[in-house]
Amino acid sequence: MNILLFGVTKDIIGSPSLSIPSTAFSRNDAPKTVGELREFLEKAYPELQNLASLAVAVNNSYAEDEKEINSFDEIALIPPVSGG
């Protein structure tokens, strides 16, 4: 699973993308829903919990926590956007 990172999420994780190896899916260690992915990432990168909001897109569509995900999905973390 490839996770694309934007804005402050890229700064927190230190890379423009993050991969969860397919072996995690075969061992059933990988997140199965968007909500589980959020929990997984917040454990690995606690600073993500400090964001006011964090949208998740699965295959170019915004997704709710109940959305099922798999190793072939493209995930994007979209942090809060400010502007003026």
PDB file of N, CA and C in Angstrom:
ATOM      1  N   MET A   1       0.852  -1.170   0.000  1.00  0.00           N
ATOM      2  CA  MET A   1       0.000   0.000   0.000  1.00  0.00           C
ATOM      3  C   MET A   1       0.897   1.231   0.000  1.00  0.00           C
ATOM      4  N   ASN A   2       0.605   2.129  -0.903  1.00  0.00           N
ATOM      5  CA  ASN A   2       1.361   3.368  -0.995  1.00  0.00           C
ATOM      6  C   ASN A   2       0.518   4.501  -0.423  1.00  0.00           C
ATOM      7  N   ILE A   3       1.108   5.258   0.498  1.00  0.00           N
ATOM      8  CA  ILE A   3       0.416   6.378   1.128  1.00  0.00           C
ATOM      9  C   ILE A   3       1.125   7.660   0.712  1.00  0.00           C
ATOM     10  N   LEU A   4       0.402   8.547   0.047  1.00  0.00           N
ATOM     11  CA  LEU A   4       0.943   9.839  -0.366  1.00  0.00           C
ATOM     12  C   LEU A   4       0.710  10.847   0.744  1.00  0.00           C
ATOM     13  N   LEU A   5       1.711  11.662   1.008  1.00  0.00           N
ATOM     14  CA  LEU A   5       1.656  12.620   2.111  1.00  0.00           C
ATOM     15  C   LEU A   5       1.769  14.042   1.575  1.00  0.00           C
ATOM     16  N   PHE A   6       0.993  14.933   2.160  1.00  0.00           N
ATOM     17  CA  PHE A   6       0.988  16.323   1.729  1.00  0.00           C
ATOM     18  C   PHE A   6       1.112  17.242   2.938  1.00  0.00           C
ATOM     19  N   GLY A   7       1.616  18.453   2.686  1.00  0.00           N
ATOM     20  CA  GLY A   7       1.699  19.482   3.723  1.00  0.00           C
ATOM     21  C   GLY A   7       2.410  19.012   4.971  1.00  0.00           C
ATOM     22  N   VAL A   8       1.789  19.276   6.114  1.00  0.00           N
ATOM     23  CA  VAL A   8       2.403  18.974   7.399  1.00  0.00           C
ATOM     24  C   VAL A   8       2.571  17.466   7.617  1.00  0.00           C
ATOM     25  N   THR A   9       1.741  16.627   6.990  1.00  0.00           N
ATOM     26  CA  THR A   9       1.926  15.181   7.159  1.00  0.00           C
ATOM     27  C   THR A   9       3.261  14.734   6.577  1.00  0.00           C
ATOM     28  N   LYS A  10       3.653  15.367   5.489  1.00  0.00           N
ATOM     29  CA  LYS A  10       4.955  15.073   4.880  1.00  0.00           C
ATOM     30  C   LYS A  10       6.074  15.488   5.829  1.00  0.00           C
ATOM     31  N   ASP A  11       5.909  16.615   6.503  1.00  0.00           N
ATOM     32  CA  ASP A  11       6.909  17.087   7.465  1.00  0.00           C
ATOM     33  C   ASP A  11       6.992  16.160   8.678  1.00  0.00           C
ATOM     34  N   ILE A  12       5.850  15.723   9.182  1.00  0.00           N
ATOM     35  CA  ILE A  12       5.819  14.855  10.360  1.00  0.00           C
ATOM     36  C   ILE A  12       6.489  13.512  10.066  1.00  0.00           C
ATOM     37  N   ILE A  13       6.172  12.938   8.926  1.00  0.00           N
ATOM     38  CA  ILE A  13       6.688  11.611   8.600  1.00  0.00           C
ATOM     39  C   ILE A  13       8.085  11.688   7.982  1.00  0.00           C
ATOM     40  N   GLY A  14       8.410  12.846   7.389  1.00  0.00           N
ATOM     41  CA  GLY A  14       9.753  13.039   6.859  1.00  0.00           C
ATOM     42  C   GLY A  14       9.960  12.504   5.467  1.00  0.00           C
ATOM     43  N   SER A  15       8.870  12.335   4.730  1.00  0.00           N
ATOM     44  CA  SER A  15       8.961  11.787   3.373  1.00  0.00           C
ATOM     45  C   SER A  15       7.675  12.148   2.632  1.00  0.00           C
ATOM     46  N   PRO A  16       7.719  12.228   1.289  1.00  0.00           N
ATOM     47  CA  PRO A  16       6.497  12.519   0.549  1.00  0.00           C
ATOM     48  C   PRO A  16       5.573  11.309   0.391  1.00  0.00           C
ATOM     49  N   SER A  17       6.067  10.133   0.775  1.00  0.00           N
ATOM     50  CA  SER A  17       5.228   8.935   0.694  1.00  0.00           C
ATOM     51  C   SER A  17       5.684   7.924   1.732  1.00  0.00           C
ATOM     52  N   LEU A  18       4.822   6.971   1.977  1.00  0.00           N
ATOM     53  CA  LEU A  18       5.075   5.930   2.964  1.00  0.00           C
ATOM     54  C   LEU A  18       4.489   4.646   2.404  1.00  0.00           C
ATOM     55  N   SER A  19       5.187   3.542   2.565  1.00  0.00           N
ATOM     56  CA  SER A  19       4.687   2.258   2.071  1.00  0.00           C
ATOM     57  C   SER A  19       4.482   1.295   3.220  1.00  0.00           C
ATOM     58  N   ILE A  20       3.377   0.580   3.160  1.00  0.00           N
ATOM     59  CA  ILE A  20       3.148  -0.528   4.071  1.00  0.00           C
ATOM     60  C   ILE A  20       3.401  -1.778   3.239  1.00  0.00           C
ATOM     61  N   PRO A  21       4.393  -2.579   3.611  1.00  0.00           N
ATOM     62  CA  PRO A  21       4.764  -3.729   2.783  1.00  0.00           C
ATOM     63  C   PRO A  21       3.615  -4.721   2.611  1.00  0.00           C
ATOM     64  N   SER A  22       3.555  -5.333   1.447  1.00  0.00           N
ATOM     65  CA  SER A  22       2.507  -6.309   1.170  1.00  0.00           C
ATOM     66  C   SER A  22       2.596  -7.507   2.111  1.00  0.00           C
ATOM     67  N   THR A  23       3.780  -7.757   2.678  1.00  0.00           N
ATOM     68  CA  THR A  23       3.913  -8.869   3.624  1.00  0.00           C
ATOM     69  C   THR A  23       3.072  -8.630   4.875  1.00  0.00           C
ATOM     70  N   ALA A  24       2.846  -7.364   5.224  1.00  0.00           N
ATOM     71  CA  ALA A  24       1.989  -7.059   6.375  1.00  0.00           C
ATOM     72  C   ALA A  24       0.570  -7.541   6.113  1.00  0.00           C
ATOM     73  N   PHE A  25       0.138  -7.472   4.859  1.00  0.00           N
ATOM     74  CA  PHE A  25      -1.205  -7.920   4.516  1.00  0.00           C
ATOM     75  C   PHE A  25      -1.304  -9.438   4.573  1.00  0.00           C
ATOM     76  N   SER A  26      -0.259 -10.119   4.156  1.00  0.00           N
ATOM     77  CA  SER A  26      -0.293 -11.582   4.204  1.00  0.00           C
ATOM     78  C   SER A  26      -0.238 -12.092   5.646  1.00  0.00           C
ATOM     79  N   ARG A  27       0.350 -11.319   6.555  1.00  0.00           N
ATOM     80  CA  ARG A  27       0.402 -11.695   7.976  1.00  0.00           C
ATOM     81  C   ARG A  27      -0.809 -11.153   8.740  1.00  0.00           C
ATOM     82  N   ASN A  28      -1.677 -10.461   8.060  1.00  0.00           N
ATOM     83  CA  ASN A  28      -2.845  -9.828   8.684  1.00  0.00           C
ATOM     84  C   ASN A  28      -2.465  -8.760   9.701  1.00  0.00           C
ATOM     85  N   ASP A  29      -1.281  -8.144   9.535  1.00  0.00           N
ATOM     86  CA  ASP A  29      -0.841  -7.058  10.412  1.00  0.00           C
ATOM     87  C   ASP A  29      -1.249  -5.687   9.876  1.00  0.00           C
ATOM     88  N   ALA A  30      -1.678  -5.635   8.648  1.00  0.00           N
ATOM     89  CA  ALA A  30      -1.958  -4.361   7.995  1.00  0.00           C
ATOM     90  C   ALA A  30      -3.366  -3.869   8.335  1.00  0.00           C
ATOM     91  N   PRO A  31      -3.560  -2.551   8.323  1.00  0.00           N
ATOM     92  CA  PRO A  31      -4.894  -1.989   8.559  1.00  0.00           C
ATOM     93  C   PRO A  31      -5.870  -2.448   7.479  1.00  0.00           C
ATOM     94  N   LYS A  32      -7.109  -2.698   7.881  1.00  0.00           N
ATOM     95  CA  LYS A  32      -8.122  -3.173   6.936  1.00  0.00           C
ATOM     96  C   LYS A  32      -9.154  -2.110   6.584  1.00  0.00           C
ATOM     97  N   THR A  33      -9.179  -1.024   7.369  1.00  0.00           N
ATOM     98  CA  THR A  33     -10.103   0.077   7.100  1.00  0.00           C
ATOM     99  C   THR A  33      -9.345   1.398   7.243  1.00  0.00           C
ATOM    100  N   VAL A  34      -9.956   2.457   6.783  1.00  0.00           N
ATOM    101  CA  VAL A  34      -9.355   3.785   6.931  1.00  0.00           C
ATOM    102  C   VAL A  34      -9.166   4.106   8.410  1.00  0.00           C
ATOM    103  N   GLY A  35     -10.128   3.757   9.248  1.00  0.00           N
ATOM    104  CA  GLY A  35     -10.015   4.004  10.684  1.00  0.00           C
ATOM    105  C   GLY A  35      -8.837   3.264  11.303  1.00  0.00           C
ATOM    106  N   GLU A  36      -8.654   2.008  10.911  1.00  0.00           N
ATOM    107  CA  GLU A  36      -7.501   1.247  11.408  1.00  0.00           C
ATOM    108  C   GLU A  36      -6.194   1.851  10.907  1.00  0.00           C
ATOM    109  N   LEU A  37      -6.203   2.370   9.688  1.00  0.00           N
ATOM    110  CA  LEU A  37      -5.011   3.028   9.152  1.00  0.00           C
ATOM    111  C   LEU A  37      -4.678   4.266   9.977  1.00  0.00           C
ATOM    112  N   ARG A  38      -5.692   5.057  10.325  1.00  0.00           N
ATOM    113  CA  ARG A  38      -5.467   6.241  11.174  1.00  0.00           C
ATOM    114  C   ARG A  38      -4.808   5.835  12.498  1.00  0.00           C
ATOM    115  N   GLU A  39      -5.356   4.803  13.135  1.00  0.00           N
ATOM    116  CA  GLU A  39      -4.804   4.337  14.413  1.00  0.00           C
ATOM    117  C   GLU A  39      -3.363   3.861  14.239  1.00  0.00           C
ATOM    118  N   PHE A  40      -3.105   3.107  13.183  1.00  0.00           N
ATOM    119  CA  PHE A  40      -1.771   2.584  12.885  1.00  0.00           C
ATOM    120  C   PHE A  40      -0.779   3.734  12.725  1.00  0.00           C
ATOM    121  N   LEU A  41      -1.165   4.749  11.938  1.00  0.00           N
ATOM    122  CA  LEU A  41      -0.270   5.878  11.686  1.00  0.00           C
ATOM    123  C   LEU A  41      -0.084   6.746  12.925  1.00  0.00           C
ATOM    124  N   GLU A  42      -1.144   6.928  13.726  1.00  0.00           N
ATOM    125  CA  GLU A  42      -1.027   7.738  14.935  1.00  0.00           C
ATOM    126  C   GLU A  42      -0.140   7.070  15.985  1.00  0.00           C
ATOM    127  N   LYS A  43      -0.109   5.741  16.009  1.00  0.00           N
ATOM    128  CA  LYS A  43       0.808   5.038  16.911  1.00  0.00           C
ATOM    129  C   LYS A  43       2.248   5.224  16.446  1.00  0.00           C
ATOM    130  N   ALA A  44       2.455   5.106  15.142  1.00  0.00           N
ATOM    131  CA  ALA A  44       3.808   5.220  14.583  1.00  0.00           C
ATOM    132  C   ALA A  44       4.295   6.668  14.574  1.00  0.00           C
ATOM    133  N   TYR A  45       3.385   7.622  14.387  1.00  0.00           N
ATOM    134  CA  TYR A  45       3.723   9.047  14.285  1.00  0.00           C
ATOM    135  C   TYR A  45       2.755   9.841  15.157  1.00  0.00           C
ATOM    136  N   PRO A  46       2.982   9.871  16.484  1.00  0.00           N
ATOM    137  CA  PRO A  46       2.045  10.506  17.426  1.00  0.00           C
ATOM    138  C   PRO A  46       1.720  11.970  17.107  1.00  0.00           C
ATOM    139  N   GLU A  47       2.607  12.685  16.427  1.00  0.00           N
ATOM    140  CA  GLU A  47       2.335  14.092  16.095  1.00  0.00           C
ATOM    141  C   GLU A  47       1.110  14.243  15.198  1.00  0.00           C
ATOM    142  N   LEU A  48       0.741  13.202  14.481  1.00  0.00           N
ATOM    143  CA  LEU A  48      -0.452  13.273  13.636  1.00  0.00           C
ATOM    144  C   LEU A  48      -1.704  13.523  14.471  1.00  0.00           C
ATOM    145  N   GLN A  49      -1.687  13.113  15.738  1.00  0.00           N
ATOM    146  CA  GLN A  49      -2.841  13.312  16.618  1.00  0.00           C
ATOM    147  C   GLN A  49      -3.080  14.788  16.921  1.00  0.00           C
ATOM    148  N   ASN A  50      -2.058  15.624  16.724  1.00  0.00           N
ATOM    149  CA  ASN A  50      -2.177  17.053  17.019  1.00  0.00           C
ATOM    150  C   ASN A  50      -2.858  17.846  15.908  1.00  0.00           C
ATOM    151  N   LEU A  51      -3.104  17.226  14.763  1.00  0.00           N
ATOM    152  CA  LEU A  51      -3.735  17.933  13.648  1.00  0.00           C
ATOM    153  C   LEU A  51      -5.217  18.139  13.938  1.00  0.00           C
ATOM    154  N   ALA A  52      -5.717  19.321  13.592  1.00  0.00           N
ATOM    155  CA  ALA A  52      -7.125  19.643  13.817  1.00  0.00           C
ATOM    156  C   ALA A  52      -8.041  18.721  13.017  1.00  0.00           C
ATOM    157  N   SER A  53      -7.603  18.327  11.854  1.00  0.00           N
ATOM    158  CA  SER A  53      -8.352  17.394  11.021  1.00  0.00           C
ATOM    159  C   SER A  53      -7.371  16.726  10.072  1.00  0.00           C
ATOM    160  N   LEU A  54      -7.757  15.581   9.586  1.00  0.00           N
ATOM    161  CA  LEU A  54      -6.922  14.863   8.634  1.00  0.00           C
ATOM    162  C   LEU A  54      -7.846  14.058   7.740  1.00  0.00           C
ATOM    163  N   ALA A  55      -7.967  14.476   6.497  1.00  0.00           N
ATOM    164  CA  ALA A  55      -8.795  13.756   5.538  1.00  0.00           C
ATOM    165  C   ALA A  55      -7.963  12.638   4.922  1.00  0.00           C
ATOM    166  N   VAL A  56      -8.650  11.559   4.576  1.00  0.00           N
ATOM    167  CA  VAL A  56      -7.999  10.432   3.923  1.00  0.00           C
ATOM    168  C   VAL A  56      -8.729  10.181   2.613  1.00  0.00           C
ATOM    169  N   ALA A  57      -7.957  10.067   1.546  1.00  0.00           N
ATOM    170  CA  ALA A  57      -8.521   9.725   0.242  1.00  0.00           C
ATOM    171  C   ALA A  57      -8.038   8.329  -0.142  1.00  0.00           C
ATOM    172  N   VAL A  58      -8.945   7.530  -0.673  1.00  0.00           N
ATOM    173  CA  VAL A  58      -8.615   6.194  -1.164  1.00  0.00           C
ATOM    174  C   VAL A  58      -8.930   6.179  -2.649  1.00  0.00           C
ATOM    175  N   ASN A  59      -7.899   5.937  -3.441  1.00  0.00           N
ATOM    176  CA  ASN A  59      -8.052   5.911  -4.898  1.00  0.00           C
ATOM    177  C   ASN A  59      -8.747   7.175  -5.421  1.00  0.00           C
ATOM    178  N   ASN A  60      -8.258   8.307  -4.957  1.00  0.00           N
ATOM    179  CA  ASN A  60      -8.689   9.635  -5.411  1.00  0.00           C
ATOM    180  C   ASN A  60     -10.079  10.062  -4.941  1.00  0.00           C
ATOM    181  N   SER A  61     -10.635   9.391  -3.936  1.00  0.00           N
ATOM    182  CA  SER A  61     -11.929   9.789  -3.384  1.00  0.00           C
ATOM    183  C   SER A  61     -11.820   9.870  -1.865  1.00  0.00           C
ATOM    184  N   TYR A  62     -12.392  10.930  -1.290  1.00  0.00           N
ATOM    185  CA  TYR A  62     -12.398  11.036   0.162  1.00  0.00           C
ATOM    186  C   TYR A  62     -13.096   9.817   0.751  1.00  0.00           C
ATOM    187  N   ALA A  63     -12.574   9.325   1.883  1.00  0.00           N
ATOM    188  CA  ALA A  63     -13.107   8.103   2.473  1.00  0.00           C
ATOM    189  C   ALA A  63     -13.381   8.283   3.958  1.00  0.00           C
ATOM    190  N   GLU A  64     -14.436   7.646   4.419  1.00  0.00           N
ATOM    191  CA  GLU A  64     -14.784   7.615   5.844  1.00  0.00           C
ATOM    192  C   GLU A  64     -14.008   6.487   6.519  1.00  0.00           C
ATOM    193  N   ASP A  65     -13.988   6.501   7.845  1.00  0.00           N
ATOM    194  CA  ASP A  65     -13.231   5.510   8.614  1.00  0.00           C
ATOM    195  C   ASP A  65     -13.666   4.071   8.339  1.00  0.00           C
ATOM    196  N   GLU A  66     -14.908   3.852   7.938  1.00  0.00           N
ATOM    197  CA  GLU A  66     -15.412   2.498   7.705  1.00  0.00           C
ATOM    198  C   GLU A  66     -14.980   1.911   6.361  1.00  0.00           C
ATOM    199  N   LYS A  67     -14.442   2.736   5.489  1.00  0.00           N
ATOM    200  CA  LYS A  67     -14.046   2.288   4.148  1.00  0.00           C
ATOM    201  C   LYS A  67     -12.965   1.217   4.243  1.00  0.00           C
ATOM    202  N   GLU A  68     -13.189   0.076   3.594  1.00  0.00           N
ATOM    203  CA  GLU A  68     -12.194  -0.991   3.563  1.00  0.00           C
ATOM    204  C   GLU A  68     -11.074  -0.629   2.600  1.00  0.00           C
ATOM    205  N   ILE A  69      -9.857  -1.008   2.972  1.00  0.00           N
ATOM    206  CA  ILE A  69      -8.688  -0.752   2.139  1.00  0.00           C
ATOM    207  C   ILE A  69      -7.898  -2.043   1.973  1.00  0.00           C
ATOM    208  N   ASN A  70      -7.080  -2.071   0.918  1.00  0.00           N
ATOM    209  CA  ASN A  70      -6.229  -3.237   0.691  1.00  0.00           C
ATOM    210  C   ASN A  70      -4.873  -2.800   0.151  1.00  0.00           C
ATOM    211  N   SER A  71      -4.017  -3.750  -0.106  1.00  0.00           N
ATOM    212  CA  SER A  71      -2.631  -3.453  -0.485  1.00  0.00           C
ATOM    213  C   SER A  71      -2.498  -2.769  -1.833  1.00  0.00           C
ATOM    214  N   PHE A  72      -3.543  -2.806  -2.658  1.00  0.00           N
ATOM    215  CA  PHE A  72      -3.465  -2.210  -3.990  1.00  0.00           C
ATOM    216  C   PHE A  72      -3.995  -0.782  -4.043  1.00  0.00           C
ATOM    217  N   ASP A  73      -4.567  -0.314  -2.949  1.00  0.00           N
ATOM    218  CA  ASP A  73      -5.144   1.028  -2.912  1.00  0.00           C
ATOM    219  C   ASP A  73      -4.065   2.095  -2.820  1.00  0.00           C
ATOM    220  N   GLU A  74      -4.351   3.235  -3.448  1.00  0.00           N
ATOM    221  CA  GLU A  74      -3.510   4.412  -3.273  1.00  0.00           C
ATOM    222  C   GLU A  74      -4.203   5.299  -2.245  1.00  0.00           C
ATOM    223  N   ILE A  75      -3.487   5.586  -1.185  1.00  0.00           N
ATOM    224  CA  ILE A  75      -4.029   6.366  -0.075  1.00  0.00           C
ATOM    225  C   ILE A  75      -3.340   7.727  -0.050  1.00  0.00           C
ATOM    226  N   ALA A  76      -4.085   8.773   0.257  1.00  0.00           N
ATOM    227  CA  ALA A  76      -3.501  10.104   0.423  1.00  0.00           C
ATOM    228  C   ALA A  76      -3.970  10.672   1.756  1.00  0.00           C
ATOM    229  N   LEU A  77      -3.032  11.205   2.525  1.00  0.00           N
ATOM    230  CA  LEU A  77      -3.366  11.915   3.764  1.00  0.00           C
ATOM    231  C   LEU A  77      -3.387  13.398   3.445  1.00  0.00           C
ATOM    232  N   ILE A  78      -4.524  14.019   3.704  1.00  0.00           N
ATOM    233  CA  ILE A  78      -4.706  15.429   3.354  1.00  0.00           C
ATOM    234  C   ILE A  78      -4.933  16.213   4.645  1.00  0.00           C
ATOM    235  N   PRO A  79      -3.918  16.972   5.059  1.00  0.00           N
ATOM    236  CA  PRO A  79      -4.008  17.730   6.320  1.00  0.00           C
ATOM    237  C   PRO A  79      -4.907  18.949   6.151  1.00  0.00           C
ATOM    238  N   PRO A  80      -5.209  19.620   7.261  1.00  0.00           N
ATOM    239  CA  PRO A  80      -5.984  20.853   7.181  1.00  0.00           C
ATOM    240  C   PRO A  80      -5.266  21.865   6.286  1.00  0.00           C
ATOM    241  N   VAL A  81      -6.039  22.602   5.534  1.00  0.00           N
ATOM    242  CA  VAL A  81      -5.468  23.592   4.618  1.00  0.00           C
ATOM    243  C   VAL A  81      -5.886  24.976   5.098  1.00  0.00           C
ATOM    244  N   SER A  82      -4.914  25.877   5.158  1.00  0.00           N
ATOM    245  CA  SER A  82      -5.250  27.249   5.514  1.00  0.00           C
ATOM    246  C   SER A  82      -4.857  28.135   4.348  1.00  0.00           C
ATOM    247  N   GLY A  83      -5.482  29.226   4.280  1.00  0.00           N
ATOM    248  CA  GLY A  83      -5.184  30.146   3.184  1.00  0.00           C
ATOM    249  C   GLY A  83      -5.816  31.490   3.447  1.00  0.00           C
ATOM    250  N   GLY A  84      -5.622  32.348   2.496  1.00  0.00           N
ATOM    251  CA  GLY A  84      -6.191  33.664   2.709  1.00  0.00           C
ATOM    252  C   GLY A  84      -6.437  34.371   1.439  1.00  0.00           C
TER     253      GLY A  84
END
